[in-house]
Amino acid sequence: MGRTKVVGIAGRFGPRYGSSVRKKWRDIVVRRYESYYCPFCGLRVKMKRISVGIWSCSKCGRTFTGGAYQPISSLK
């Protein structure tokens, strides 16, 4: 039985750093690697993060700006 039921991928840190920090880190990593709709081609694909806030669509190759951890920022 694994011990990562609550923290998921952050279970690799074990008991280090505290549970709330590991849960916040887990949420960021899960959102970062999700599939999103491309604002240009409209397909749901994996976006590649080039740098902080700079994203590239793997299908159409367009580069655009977005959030730090996800392509579509709620602040726009």
PDB file of N, CA and C in Angstrom:
ATOM      1  N   MET A   1       0.834  -1.199   0.000  1.00  0.00           N
ATOM      2  CA  MET A   1       0.000   0.000   0.000  1.00  0.00           C
ATOM      3  C   MET A   1       0.870   1.251   0.000  1.00  0.00           C
ATOM      4  N   GLY A   2       0.576   2.147  -0.921  1.00  0.00           N
ATOM      5  CA  GLY A   2       1.316   3.394  -0.957  1.00  0.00           C
ATOM      6  C   GLY A   2       0.799   4.376   0.081  1.00  0.00           C
ATOM      7  N   ARG A   3       1.617   5.305   0.395  1.00  0.00           N
ATOM      8  CA  ARG A   3       1.223   6.308   1.379  1.00  0.00           C
ATOM      9  C   ARG A   3       1.018   7.665   0.729  1.00  0.00           C
ATOM     10  N   THR A   4       0.605   7.666  -0.517  1.00  0.00           N
ATOM     11  CA  THR A   4       0.462   8.920  -1.254  1.00  0.00           C
ATOM     12  C   THR A   4      -0.981   9.206  -1.623  1.00  0.00           C
ATOM     13  N   LYS A   5      -1.934   8.690  -0.868  1.00  0.00           N
ATOM     14  CA  LYS A   5      -3.330   8.856  -1.226  1.00  0.00           C
ATOM     15  C   LYS A   5      -3.756  10.324  -1.219  1.00  0.00           C
ATOM     16  N   VAL A   6      -3.291  11.088  -0.258  1.00  0.00           N
ATOM     17  CA  VAL A   6      -3.694  12.489  -0.133  1.00  0.00           C
ATOM     18  C   VAL A   6      -2.804  13.398  -0.972  1.00  0.00           C
ATOM     19  N   VAL A   7      -1.502  13.220  -0.899  1.00  0.00           N
ATOM     20  CA  VAL A   7      -0.582  14.151  -1.556  1.00  0.00           C
ATOM     21  C   VAL A   7      -0.208  13.752  -2.971  1.00  0.00           C
ATOM     22  N   GLY A   8      -0.542  12.544  -3.398  1.00  0.00           N
ATOM     23  CA  GLY A   8      -0.295  12.131  -4.777  1.00  0.00           C
ATOM     24  C   GLY A   8       1.167  12.154  -5.154  1.00  0.00           C
ATOM     25  N   ILE A   9       1.509  12.899  -6.198  1.00  0.00           N
ATOM     26  CA  ILE A   9       2.868  12.951  -6.715  1.00  0.00           C
ATOM     27  C   ILE A   9       3.857  13.538  -5.712  1.00  0.00           C
ATOM     28  N   ALA A  10       3.369  14.336  -4.784  1.00  0.00           N
ATOM     29  CA  ALA A  10       4.244  14.941  -3.774  1.00  0.00           C
ATOM     30  C   ALA A  10       4.658  13.938  -2.708  1.00  0.00           C
ATOM     31  N   GLY A  11       4.157  12.718  -2.783  1.00  0.00           N
ATOM     32  CA  GLY A  11       4.548  11.688  -1.837  1.00  0.00           C
ATOM     33  C   GLY A  11       6.014  11.332  -1.929  1.00  0.00           C
ATOM     34  N   ARG A  12       6.661  11.700  -3.012  1.00  0.00           N
ATOM     35  CA  ARG A  12       8.082  11.405  -3.147  1.00  0.00           C
ATOM     36  C   ARG A  12       8.933  12.194  -2.170  1.00  0.00           C
ATOM     37  N   PHE A  13       8.364  13.242  -1.585  1.00  0.00           N
ATOM     38  CA  PHE A  13       9.104  14.015  -0.599  1.00  0.00           C
ATOM     39  C   PHE A  13       9.016  13.409   0.792  1.00  0.00           C
ATOM     40  N   GLY A  14       8.153  12.394   0.947  1.00  0.00           N
ATOM     41  CA  GLY A  14       8.013  11.748   2.251  1.00  0.00           C
ATOM     42  C   GLY A  14       7.476  12.723   3.284  1.00  0.00           C
ATOM     43  N   PRO A  15       7.990  12.674   4.519  1.00  0.00           N
ATOM     44  CA  PRO A  15       7.487  13.561   5.568  1.00  0.00           C
ATOM     45  C   PRO A  15       8.119  14.958   5.548  1.00  0.00           C
ATOM     46  N   ARG A  16       9.002  15.212   4.599  1.00  0.00           N
ATOM     47  CA  ARG A  16       9.714  16.495   4.586  1.00  0.00           C
ATOM     48  C   ARG A  16       8.824  17.642   4.107  1.00  0.00           C
ATOM     49  N   TYR A  17       9.098  18.816   4.542  1.00  0.00           N
ATOM     50  CA  TYR A  17       8.516  20.086   4.098  1.00  0.00           C
ATOM     51  C   TYR A  17       7.113  20.379   4.606  1.00  0.00           C
ATOM     52  N   GLY A  18       6.431  19.449   5.234  1.00  0.00           N
ATOM     53  CA  GLY A  18       5.095  19.699   5.763  1.00  0.00           C
ATOM     54  C   GLY A  18       4.012  19.388   4.743  1.00  0.00           C
ATOM     55  N   SER A  19       2.847  19.000   5.247  1.00  0.00           N
ATOM     56  CA  SER A  19       1.779  18.540   4.359  1.00  0.00           C
ATOM     57  C   SER A  19       1.185  19.661   3.520  1.00  0.00           C
ATOM     58  N   SER A  20       1.022  20.846   4.084  1.00  0.00           N
ATOM     59  CA  SER A  20       0.390  21.921   3.313  1.00  0.00           C
ATOM     60  C   SER A  20       1.279  22.369   2.154  1.00  0.00           C
ATOM     61  N   VAL A  21       2.584  22.406   2.351  1.00  0.00           N
ATOM     62  CA  VAL A  21       3.499  22.788   1.272  1.00  0.00           C
ATOM     63  C   VAL A  21       3.491  21.729   0.182  1.00  0.00           C
ATOM     64  N   ARG A  22       3.483  20.455   0.576  1.00  0.00           N
ATOM     65  CA  ARG A  22       3.456  19.385  -0.417  1.00  0.00           C
ATOM     66  C   ARG A  22       2.158  19.386  -1.209  1.00  0.00           C
ATOM     67  N   LYS A  23       1.025  19.696  -0.595  1.00  0.00           N
ATOM     68  CA  LYS A  23      -0.253  19.744  -1.306  1.00  0.00           C
ATOM     69  C   LYS A  23      -0.297  20.914  -2.284  1.00  0.00           C
ATOM     70  N   LYS A  24       0.254  22.061  -1.895  1.00  0.00           N
ATOM     71  CA  LYS A  24       0.307  23.212  -2.808  1.00  0.00           C
ATOM     72  C   LYS A  24       1.189  22.895  -4.008  1.00  0.00           C
ATOM     73  N   TRP A  25       2.331  22.261  -3.768  1.00  0.00           N
ATOM     74  CA  TRP A  25       3.242  21.890  -4.838  1.00  0.00           C
ATOM     75  C   TRP A  25       2.572  20.893  -5.782  1.00  0.00           C
ATOM     76  N   ARG A  26       1.830  19.932  -5.225  1.00  0.00           N
ATOM     77  CA  ARG A  26       1.113  18.946  -6.024  1.00  0.00           C
ATOM     78  C   ARG A  26       0.111  19.617  -6.957  1.00  0.00           C
ATOM     79  N   ASP A  27      -0.653  20.590  -6.438  1.00  0.00           N
ATOM     80  CA  ASP A  27      -1.656  21.266  -7.256  1.00  0.00           C
ATOM     81  C   ASP A  27      -1.017  22.003  -8.426  1.00  0.00           C
ATOM     82  N   ILE A  28       0.111  22.646  -8.190  1.00  0.00           N
ATOM     83  CA  ILE A  28       0.809  23.380  -9.245  1.00  0.00           C
ATOM     84  C   ILE A  28       1.327  22.426 -10.311  1.00  0.00           C
ATOM     85  N   VAL A  29       1.950  21.328  -9.908  1.00  0.00           N
ATOM     86  CA  VAL A  29       2.527  20.394 -10.870  1.00  0.00           C
ATOM     87  C   VAL A  29       1.435  19.712 -11.694  1.00  0.00           C
ATOM     88  N   VAL A  30       0.333  19.344 -11.072  1.00  0.00           N
ATOM     89  CA  VAL A  30      -0.757  18.682 -11.803  1.00  0.00           C
ATOM     90  C   VAL A  30      -1.348  19.638 -12.839  1.00  0.00           C
ATOM     91  N   ARG A  31      -1.559  20.907 -12.477  1.00  0.00           N
ATOM     92  CA  ARG A  31      -2.103  21.881 -13.431  1.00  0.00           C
ATOM     93  C   ARG A  31      -1.130  22.160 -14.564  1.00  0.00           C
ATOM     94  N   ARG A  32       0.162  22.160 -14.263  1.00  0.00           N
ATOM     95  CA  ARG A  32       1.158  22.489 -15.276  1.00  0.00           C
ATOM     96  C   ARG A  32       1.208  21.457 -16.400  1.00  0.00           C
ATOM     97  N   TYR A  33       1.003  20.198 -16.092  1.00  0.00           N
ATOM     98  CA  TYR A  33       1.147  19.155 -17.086  1.00  0.00           C
ATOM     99  C   TYR A  33      -0.181  18.651 -17.645  1.00  0.00           C
ATOM    100  N   GLU A  34      -1.282  19.361 -17.402  1.00  0.00           N
ATOM    101  CA  GLU A  34      -2.565  18.994 -17.980  1.00  0.00           C
ATOM    102  C   GLU A  34      -2.610  19.364 -19.467  1.00  0.00           C
ATOM    103  N   SER A  35      -3.600  18.827 -20.149  1.00  0.00           N
ATOM    104  CA  SER A  35      -3.862  19.231 -21.526  1.00  0.00           C
ATOM    105  C   SER A  35      -4.787  20.445 -21.504  1.00  0.00           C
ATOM    106  N   TYR A  36      -4.531  21.405 -22.362  1.00  0.00           N
ATOM    107  CA  TYR A  36      -5.338  22.616 -22.449  1.00  0.00           C
ATOM    108  C   TYR A  36      -5.737  22.856 -23.894  1.00  0.00           C
ATOM    109  N   TYR A  37      -6.771  23.674 -24.079  1.00  0.00           N
ATOM    110  CA  TYR A  37      -7.183  24.066 -25.428  1.00  0.00           C
ATOM    111  C   TYR A  37      -6.255  25.168 -25.931  1.00  0.00           C
ATOM    112  N   CYS A  38      -5.740  24.975 -27.138  1.00  0.00           N
ATOM    113  CA  CYS A  38      -4.880  25.989 -27.752  1.00  0.00           C
ATOM    114  C   CYS A  38      -5.749  27.174 -28.178  1.00  0.00           C
ATOM    115  N   PRO A  39      -5.347  28.413 -27.858  1.00  0.00           N
ATOM    116  CA  PRO A  39      -6.150  29.568 -28.257  1.00  0.00           C
ATOM    117  C   PRO A  39      -6.121  29.831 -29.768  1.00  0.00           C
ATOM    118  N   PHE A  40      -5.223  29.193 -30.501  1.00  0.00           N
ATOM    119  CA  PHE A  40      -5.101  29.435 -31.936  1.00  0.00           C
ATOM    120  C   PHE A  40      -5.732  28.324 -32.773  1.00  0.00           C
ATOM    121  N   CYS A  41      -5.365  27.070 -32.506  1.00  0.00           N
ATOM    122  CA  CYS A  41      -5.911  25.986 -33.322  1.00  0.00           C
ATOM    123  C   CYS A  41      -7.154  25.356 -32.690  1.00  0.00           C
ATOM    124  N   GLY A  42      -7.423  25.621 -31.430  1.00  0.00           N
ATOM    125  CA  GLY A  42      -8.635  25.154 -30.780  1.00  0.00           C
ATOM    126  C   GLY A  42      -8.634  23.700 -30.359  1.00  0.00           C
ATOM    127  N   LEU A  43      -7.518  23.005 -30.514  1.00  0.00           N
ATOM    128  CA  LEU A  43      -7.441  21.599 -30.137  1.00  0.00           C
ATOM    129  C   LEU A  43      -6.964  21.450 -28.697  1.00  0.00           C
ATOM    130  N   ARG A  44      -7.402  20.381 -28.056  1.00  0.00           N
ATOM    131  CA  ARG A  44      -6.958  20.103 -26.692  1.00  0.00           C
ATOM    132  C   ARG A  44      -5.667  19.295 -26.784  1.00  0.00           C
ATOM    133  N   VAL A  45      -4.559  19.956 -26.518  1.00  0.00           N
ATOM    134  CA  VAL A  45      -3.250  19.329 -26.649  1.00  0.00           C
ATOM    135  C   VAL A  45      -2.384  19.684 -25.450  1.00  0.00           C
ATOM    136  N   LYS A  46      -1.245  19.014 -25.364  1.00  0.00           N
ATOM    137  CA  LYS A  46      -0.272  19.339 -24.339  1.00  0.00           C
ATOM    138  C   LYS A  46       0.470  20.598 -24.772  1.00  0.00           C
ATOM    139  N   MET A  47       0.537  21.551 -23.886  1.00  0.00           N
ATOM    140  CA  MET A  47       1.304  22.764 -24.154  1.00  0.00           C
ATOM    141  C   MET A  47       2.679  22.598 -23.540  1.00  0.00           C
ATOM    142  N   LYS A  48       3.676  23.122 -24.204  1.00  0.00           N
ATOM    143  CA  LYS A  48       5.030  23.061 -23.680  1.00  0.00           C
ATOM    144  C   LYS A  48       5.397  24.423 -23.122  1.00  0.00           C
ATOM    145  N   ARG A  49       5.866  24.447 -21.879  1.00  0.00           N
ATOM    146  CA  ARG A  49       6.271  25.702 -21.266  1.00  0.00           C
ATOM    147  C   ARG A  49       7.716  25.982 -21.650  1.00  0.00           C
ATOM    148  N   ILE A  50       7.930  27.078 -22.368  1.00  0.00           N
ATOM    149  CA  ILE A  50       9.269  27.468 -22.807  1.00  0.00           C
ATOM    150  C   ILE A  50      10.006  28.143 -21.656  1.00  0.00           C
ATOM    151  N   SER A  51       9.315  29.054 -21.011  1.00  0.00           N
ATOM    152  CA  SER A  51       9.849  29.817 -19.895  1.00  0.00           C
ATOM    153  C   SER A  51       8.660  30.198 -19.024  1.00  0.00           C
ATOM    154  N   VAL A  52       8.901  30.962 -17.975  1.00  0.00           N
ATOM    155  CA  VAL A  52       7.812  31.373 -17.098  1.00  0.00           C
ATOM    156  C   VAL A  52       6.864  32.277 -17.881  1.00  0.00           C
ATOM    157  N   GLY A  53       5.638  31.804 -18.104  1.00  0.00           N
ATOM    158  CA  GLY A  53       4.627  32.589 -18.802  1.00  0.00           C
ATOM    159  C   GLY A  53       4.672  32.503 -20.310  1.00  0.00           C
ATOM    160  N   ILE A  54       5.605  31.764 -20.895  1.00  0.00           N
ATOM    161  CA  ILE A  54       5.707  31.622 -22.347  1.00  0.00           C
ATOM    162  C   ILE A  54       5.446  30.159 -22.691  1.00  0.00           C
ATOM    163  N   TRP A  55       4.415  29.918 -23.519  1.00  0.00           N
ATOM    164  CA  TRP A  55       3.955  28.583 -23.849  1.00  0.00           C
ATOM    165  C   TRP A  55       3.975  28.356 -25.351  1.00  0.00           C
ATOM    166  N   SER A  56       4.085  27.101 -25.748  1.00  0.00           N
ATOM    167  CA  SER A  56       4.073  26.731 -27.155  1.00  0.00           C
ATOM    168  C   SER A  56       3.120  25.561 -27.348  1.00  0.00           C
ATOM    169  N   CYS A  57       2.320  25.634 -28.408  1.00  0.00           N
ATOM    170  CA  CYS A  57       1.395  24.550 -28.746  1.00  0.00           C
ATOM    171  C   CYS A  57       2.170  23.476 -29.497  1.00  0.00           C
ATOM    172  N   SER A  58       2.014  22.216 -29.079  1.00  0.00           N
ATOM    173  CA  SER A  58       2.751  21.142 -29.728  1.00  0.00           C
ATOM    174  C   SER A  58       2.159  20.778 -31.087  1.00  0.00           C
ATOM    175  N   LYS A  59       0.909  21.181 -31.354  1.00  0.00           N
ATOM    176  CA  LYS A  59       0.256  20.834 -32.622  1.00  0.00           C
ATOM    177  C   LYS A  59       0.518  21.874 -33.709  1.00  0.00           C
ATOM    178  N   CYS A  60       0.183  23.147 -33.413  1.00  0.00           N
ATOM    179  CA  CYS A  60       0.331  24.171 -34.451  1.00  0.00           C
ATOM    180  C   CYS A  60       1.658  24.932 -34.350  1.00  0.00           C
ATOM    181  N   GLY A  61       2.376  24.788 -33.237  1.00  0.00           N
ATOM    182  CA  GLY A  61       3.690  25.412 -33.111  1.00  0.00           C
ATOM    183  C   GLY A  61       3.671  26.881 -32.736  1.00  0.00           C
ATOM    184  N   ARG A  62       2.505  27.456 -32.473  1.00  0.00           N
ATOM    185  CA  ARG A  62       2.429  28.881 -32.117  1.00  0.00           C
ATOM    186  C   ARG A  62       2.938  29.083 -30.698  1.00  0.00           C
ATOM    187  N   THR A  63       3.601  30.189 -30.471  1.00  0.00           N
ATOM    188  CA  THR A  63       4.101  30.568 -29.162  1.00  0.00           C
ATOM    189  C   THR A  63       3.281  31.734 -28.663  1.00  0.00           C
ATOM    190  N   PHE A  64       2.885  31.694 -27.395  1.00  0.00           N
ATOM    191  CA  PHE A  64       2.044  32.740 -26.830  1.00  0.00           C
ATOM    192  C   PHE A  64       2.327  32.876 -25.346  1.00  0.00           C
ATOM    193  N   THR A  65       1.775  33.930 -24.749  1.00  0.00           N
ATOM    194  CA  THR A  65       1.971  34.158 -23.323  1.00  0.00           C
ATOM    195  C   THR A  65       0.758  33.671 -22.545  1.00  0.00           C
ATOM    196  N   GLY A  66       1.009  33.322 -21.305  1.00  0.00           N
ATOM    197  CA  GLY A  66      -0.055  32.837 -20.440  1.00  0.00           C
ATOM    198  C   GLY A  66       0.379  32.986 -18.995  1.00  0.00           C
ATOM    199  N   GLY A  67      -0.118  32.120 -18.157  1.00  0.00           N
ATOM    200  CA  GLY A  67       0.235  32.156 -16.753  1.00  0.00           C
ATOM    201  C   GLY A  67       1.576  31.483 -16.511  1.00  0.00           C
ATOM    202  N   ALA A  68       2.052  31.570 -15.279  1.00  0.00           N
ATOM    203  CA  ALA A  68       3.340  30.980 -14.937  1.00  0.00           C
ATOM    204  C   ALA A  68       3.282  29.457 -14.934  1.00  0.00           C
ATOM    205  N   TYR A  69       2.166  28.890 -14.457  1.00  0.00           N
ATOM    206  CA  TYR A  69       2.069  27.450 -14.325  1.00  0.00           C
ATOM    207  C   TYR A  69       1.025  26.820 -15.230  1.00  0.00           C
ATOM    208  N   GLN A  70       0.223  27.618 -15.912  1.00  0.00           N
ATOM    209  CA  GLN A  70      -0.749  27.089 -16.850  1.00  0.00           C
ATOM    210  C   GLN A  70      -0.916  28.077 -17.990  1.00  0.00           C
ATOM    211  N   PRO A  71      -1.204  27.593 -19.199  1.00  0.00           N
ATOM    212  CA  PRO A  71      -1.236  28.475 -20.373  1.00  0.00           C
ATOM    213  C   PRO A  71      -2.292  29.556 -20.335  1.00  0.00           C
ATOM    214  N   ILE A  72      -3.425  29.271 -19.706  1.00  0.00           N
ATOM    215  CA  ILE A  72      -4.487  30.250 -19.659  1.00  0.00           C
ATOM    216  C   ILE A  72      -4.532  30.845 -18.258  1.00  0.00           C
ATOM    217  N   SER A  73      -4.253  32.114 -18.134  1.00  0.00           N
ATOM    218  CA  SER A  73      -4.219  32.766 -16.834  1.00  0.00           C
ATOM    219  C   SER A  73      -5.584  33.366 -16.527  1.00  0.00           C
ATOM    220  N   SER A  74      -5.986  33.297 -15.275  1.00  0.00           N
ATOM    221  CA  SER A  74      -7.273  33.871 -14.877  1.00  0.00           C
ATOM    222  C   SER A  74      -7.168  35.382 -14.699  1.00  0.00           C
ATOM    223  N   LEU A  75      -5.975  35.942 -14.750  1.00  0.00           N
ATOM    224  CA  LEU A  75      -5.776  37.376 -14.571  1.00  0.00           C
ATOM    225  C   LEU A  75      -5.880  38.156 -15.872  1.00  0.00           C
ATOM    226  N   LYS A  76      -5.921  37.474 -17.003  1.00  0.00           N
ATOM    227  CA  LYS A  76      -5.980  38.155 -18.295  1.00  0.00           C
ATOM    228  C   LYS A  76      -7.318  38.788 -18.500  1.00  0.00           C
TER     229      LYS A  76
END
